[in-house]
Protein backbone atom coordinates (compact mmCIF):
# COMPACT_ATOMS: atom_id res chain seq x y z
CA MET A 1 31.36 -5.35 1.56
CA LYS A 2 29.03 -5.35 5.02
CA PRO A 3 25.86 -5.45 4.75
CA THR A 4 23.66 -2.41 5.35
CA GLU A 5 20.19 -0.97 5.84
CA TYR A 6 18.35 -0.28 2.57
CA THR A 7 17.69 4.02 2.46
CA GLU A 8 14.72 4.82 1.90
CA GLU A 9 14.68 5.67 -1.88
CA GLU A 10 16.49 2.12 -2.17
CA VAL A 11 12.90 0.73 -0.66
CA ARG A 12 10.88 2.83 -2.74
CA ASP A 13 12.41 2.18 -5.82
CA GLN A 14 12.15 -1.97 -4.83
CA PHE A 15 8.72 -1.51 -4.50
CA LEU A 16 7.94 0.33 -7.55
CA ASN A 17 9.91 -1.66 -9.17
CA TYR A 18 7.73 -4.41 -7.99
CA ILE A 19 4.44 -2.64 -8.73
CA ARG A 20 6.21 -2.14 -12.51
CA GLU A 21 6.74 -6.01 -12.74
CA MET A 22 3.26 -6.75 -11.49
CA VAL A 23 1.59 -4.11 -14.01
CA ASP A 24 3.44 -6.28 -16.90
CA GLU A 25 2.43 -9.34 -15.61
CA TRP A 26 -1.17 -8.92 -14.96
CA ASP A 27 -1.15 -6.76 -18.82
CA ALA A 28 0.39 -10.16 -20.33
CA ALA A 29 -2.10 -12.46 -18.78
CA ASN A 30 -4.85 -12.74 -21.90
CA ASN A 31 -6.78 -15.03 -20.48
CA LYS A 32 -8.08 -12.21 -18.23
CA THR A 33 -10.94 -9.92 -19.00
CA THR A 34 -10.21 -5.99 -18.38
CA LYS A 35 -11.65 -6.07 -15.07
CA GLU A 36 -10.14 -9.90 -14.37
CA LYS A 37 -6.99 -8.07 -14.42
CA LEU A 38 -7.57 -4.92 -12.59
CA ASN A 39 -8.65 -6.93 -9.73
CA GLY A 40 -6.04 -9.24 -10.10
CA LEU A 41 -3.22 -6.26 -9.87
CA ALA A 42 -5.55 -4.61 -7.20
CA PHE A 43 -4.90 -8.22 -5.23
CA THR A 44 -1.26 -8.46 -5.87
CA ILE A 45 -0.69 -5.29 -4.70
CA LEU A 46 -2.39 -5.49 -1.73
CA ALA A 47 -0.94 -8.56 -0.93
CA ALA A 48 2.61 -7.31 -1.21
CA ILE A 49 1.81 -4.68 1.15
CA ASP A 50 0.39 -6.92 4.16
CA GLY A 51 3.95 -9.02 3.15
CA ASN A 52 2.29 -12.18 1.62
CA SER A 53 5.04 -11.28 -1.61
CA PRO A 54 8.49 -13.02 -1.66
CA ASP A 55 9.95 -10.53 -3.22
CA VAL A 56 9.07 -7.11 -0.75
CA PRO A 57 8.46 -7.35 2.86
CA SER A 58 4.86 -5.85 4.23
CA PHE A 59 4.66 -2.78 4.98
CA ILE A 60 2.76 -0.02 7.35
CA LEU A 61 -0.16 1.87 5.90
CA ALA A 62 -2.04 4.18 7.75
CA PRO A 63 -3.48 7.71 6.93
CA PHE A 64 -1.07 11.00 7.19
CA PRO A 65 -3.32 13.36 6.51
CA HIS A 66 -2.71 16.99 5.83
CA GLU A 67 -2.35 19.30 9.25
CA ASP A 68 -5.77 21.55 8.96
CA ASP A 69 -7.73 18.66 7.55
CA LYS A 70 -8.93 17.46 11.53
CA GLN A 71 -10.26 20.77 12.19
CA TYR A 72 -11.36 21.79 8.59
CA LYS A 73 -13.52 18.33 9.30
CA ILE A 74 -14.53 19.36 13.12
CA ASP A 75 -15.78 22.78 11.75
CA ASN A 76 -17.57 20.92 9.13
CA GLY A 77 -19.61 18.71 11.38
CA GLU A 78 -17.72 15.51 9.13
CA ASN A 79 -15.32 12.49 11.40
CA TYR A 80 -12.14 12.76 10.49
CA TYR A 81 -8.87 10.81 10.24
CA PRO A 82 -6.00 9.84 12.77
CA ASP A 83 -2.97 11.97 12.39
CA ASN A 84 0.33 10.14 12.26
CA ASN A 85 3.71 11.96 13.24
CA GLY A 86 6.29 8.65 11.34
CA ILE A 87 6.41 8.43 15.22
CA ASP A 88 4.01 6.30 16.79
CA VAL A 89 1.80 5.34 13.73
CA LYS A 90 -1.82 5.18 14.70
CA CYS A 91 -4.45 2.98 12.35
CA ASP A 92 -2.19 0.72 10.67
CA ILE A 93 -4.69 -0.40 7.57
CA ALA A 94 -2.11 -3.13 6.23
CA GLY A 95 -2.40 -6.65 6.91
CA ASP A 96 -4.95 -8.38 6.02
CA LEU A 97 -6.20 -5.87 2.90
CA HIS A 98 -5.43 -8.78 -0.13
CA GLU A 99 -7.64 -10.97 2.32
CA LYS A 100 -10.72 -8.24 2.25
CA PHE A 101 -10.68 -7.33 -0.76
CA TYR A 102 -12.82 -9.60 -1.67
CA LYS A 103 -15.49 -10.31 0.30
């Protein structure tokens, strides 16, 4: 069979399965406090998004606000998130999230 590109559903399933595995792994860490487990899980998820896991590739993580959000924020004198239409991604925050998680 000829290799093909994963579908969106397959990529989503692989990512979610990885997260489920990490939940189980951190839950089984009996020598850790609850906070240490939660921090470890968060770090592991961020590292995966950043591309530092052998099991999943890096991912783009960018804001995708509701279409009315910008004007609502402007009307209320607030800053607003950049809009992303899926083609020209602005404000991709992935890449070093796991490094910045622990300051």
